[in-house]
Amino acid sequence: MGPEGGLSAGPGRLNTMQITFKLHATLTDFLPRDADGRKPHYNQLQVEVPEGADVQSVIDRFGLPARQVHLVLVNGVYVAPSTRSSRRLSEGDALAIWPPIAGG
């Protein structure tokens, strides 16, 4: 462990960072349950990801179906589908995802 309680850099080890991961509407089913079988509070959780992780790698990690990932925001700013693999996340970022929603 490093001095801040995180992983130390070294052979075979990655530095990590914390982000807030938020899923909305039907996507909340993809959030992991805690040890008591409950879903996270407010449809979000703190996630540890490798330093420099991109948006698409987090989407893939949670197994979100591509057809259900419609609106993606990082810190309230839209991330287009064509840039999700290149948009790097930073410590403390908030990644929020909504499915397509129909209504009227």
Protein backbone atom coordinates (compact mmCIF):
# COMPACT_ATOMS: atom_id res chain seq x y z
CA MET A 1 0.00 0.00 0.00
CA GLY A 2 1.09 3.50 -0.76
CA PRO A 3 1.20 6.37 1.72
CA GLU A 4 -2.36 7.44 0.84
CA GLY A 5 -3.80 3.94 1.35
CA GLY A 6 -3.86 3.23 -2.41
CA LEU A 7 -1.88 0.75 -4.41
CA SER A 8 1.78 1.46 -4.89
CA ALA A 9 3.26 1.66 -8.33
CA GLY A 10 5.65 -1.12 -9.04
CA PRO A 11 6.17 -4.18 -11.19
CA GLY A 12 2.79 -5.66 -12.09
CA ARG A 13 0.86 -3.02 -10.13
CA LEU A 14 -1.30 -0.23 -11.46
CA ASN A 15 -2.02 3.09 -9.85
CA THR A 16 -5.72 3.52 -9.30
CA MET A 17 -8.15 6.37 -8.79
CA GLN A 18 -11.69 6.78 -7.49
CA ILE A 19 -14.59 7.95 -9.64
CA THR A 20 -18.33 8.23 -8.98
CA PHE A 21 -20.31 5.92 -11.27
CA LYS A 22 -24.01 6.73 -11.74
CA LEU A 23 -26.55 4.68 -13.67
CA HIS A 24 -30.08 5.88 -14.31
CA ALA A 25 -33.48 4.33 -15.10
CA THR A 26 -33.29 0.68 -16.23
CA LEU A 27 -29.48 0.67 -16.17
CA THR A 28 -29.51 0.58 -12.37
CA ASP A 29 -29.98 -3.19 -12.70
CA PHE A 30 -26.30 -3.35 -13.71
CA LEU A 31 -25.04 -1.89 -10.44
CA PRO A 32 -23.51 -4.53 -8.19
CA ARG A 33 -25.24 -5.43 -4.95
CA ASP A 34 -23.44 -4.98 -1.65
CA ALA A 35 -22.69 -7.80 0.77
CA ASP A 36 -26.27 -7.62 2.13
CA GLY A 37 -27.76 -7.92 -1.35
CA ARG A 38 -28.81 -4.27 -1.53
CA LYS A 39 -28.29 -1.89 -4.42
CA PRO A 40 -26.13 1.24 -3.87
CA HIS A 41 -27.83 4.33 -2.50
CA TYR A 42 -28.99 6.91 -5.08
CA ASN A 43 -28.04 4.69 -8.06
CA GLN A 44 -24.36 5.48 -7.70
CA LEU A 45 -21.23 4.09 -6.20
CA GLN A 46 -17.58 4.93 -5.80
CA VAL A 47 -15.50 2.84 -8.17
CA GLU A 48 -11.77 2.25 -8.19
CA VAL A 49 -10.40 2.23 -11.75
CA PRO A 50 -6.90 2.19 -13.20
CA GLU A 51 -5.33 5.62 -13.48
CA GLY A 52 -6.07 7.01 -16.94
CA ALA A 53 -9.01 4.65 -17.59
CA ASP A 54 -11.30 5.70 -20.40
CA VAL A 55 -15.09 5.97 -20.33
CA GLN A 56 -15.61 2.90 -22.54
CA SER A 57 -13.52 0.68 -20.25
CA VAL A 58 -15.86 1.48 -17.34
CA ILE A 59 -18.94 0.83 -19.49
CA ASP A 60 -17.43 -2.53 -20.51
CA ARG A 61 -16.45 -3.42 -16.94
CA PHE A 62 -20.09 -3.29 -15.86
CA GLY A 63 -21.33 -5.17 -18.91
CA LEU A 64 -23.67 -2.42 -20.07
CA PRO A 65 -25.31 -3.34 -23.41
CA ALA A 66 -24.18 -0.91 -26.12
CA ARG A 67 -27.78 -0.41 -27.27
CA GLN A 68 -28.73 0.70 -23.75
CA VAL A 69 -25.92 3.24 -23.31
CA HIS A 70 -27.44 6.38 -24.75
CA LEU A 71 -26.53 9.54 -22.85
CA VAL A 72 -23.07 9.59 -21.26
CA LEU A 73 -21.82 12.52 -19.19
CA VAL A 74 -18.53 13.12 -17.38
CA ASN A 75 -18.89 15.87 -14.80
CA GLY A 76 -22.04 17.01 -16.60
CA VAL A 77 -20.40 17.23 -20.04
CA TYR A 78 -21.70 15.04 -22.90
CA VAL A 79 -19.33 12.35 -24.22
CA ALA A 80 -20.16 11.31 -27.80
CA PRO A 81 -20.05 7.60 -28.69
CA SER A 82 -17.10 8.20 -31.01
CA THR A 83 -14.96 9.62 -28.17
CA ARG A 84 -15.80 7.24 -25.32
CA SER A 85 -12.69 5.11 -25.93
CA SER A 86 -10.41 8.13 -25.95
CA ARG A 87 -12.02 10.24 -23.18
CA ARG A 88 -9.80 9.63 -20.16
CA LEU A 89 -11.17 9.88 -16.64
CA SER A 90 -9.46 11.67 -13.77
CA GLU A 91 -9.52 11.22 -10.01
CA GLY A 92 -12.88 12.33 -8.62
CA ASP A 93 -14.75 12.43 -11.95
CA ALA A 94 -18.46 11.61 -12.05
CA LEU A 95 -19.50 9.30 -14.90
CA ALA A 96 -23.27 9.22 -15.44
CA ILE A 97 -25.13 7.06 -17.97
CA TRP A 98 -28.78 6.98 -19.11
CA PRO A 99 -30.52 4.52 -21.43
CA PRO A 100 -32.73 5.68 -24.31
CA ILE A 101 -35.98 6.91 -22.80
CA ALA A 102 -39.26 7.14 -24.66
CA GLY A 103 -42.22 9.10 -23.50
CA GLY A 104 -44.50 11.88 -24.35
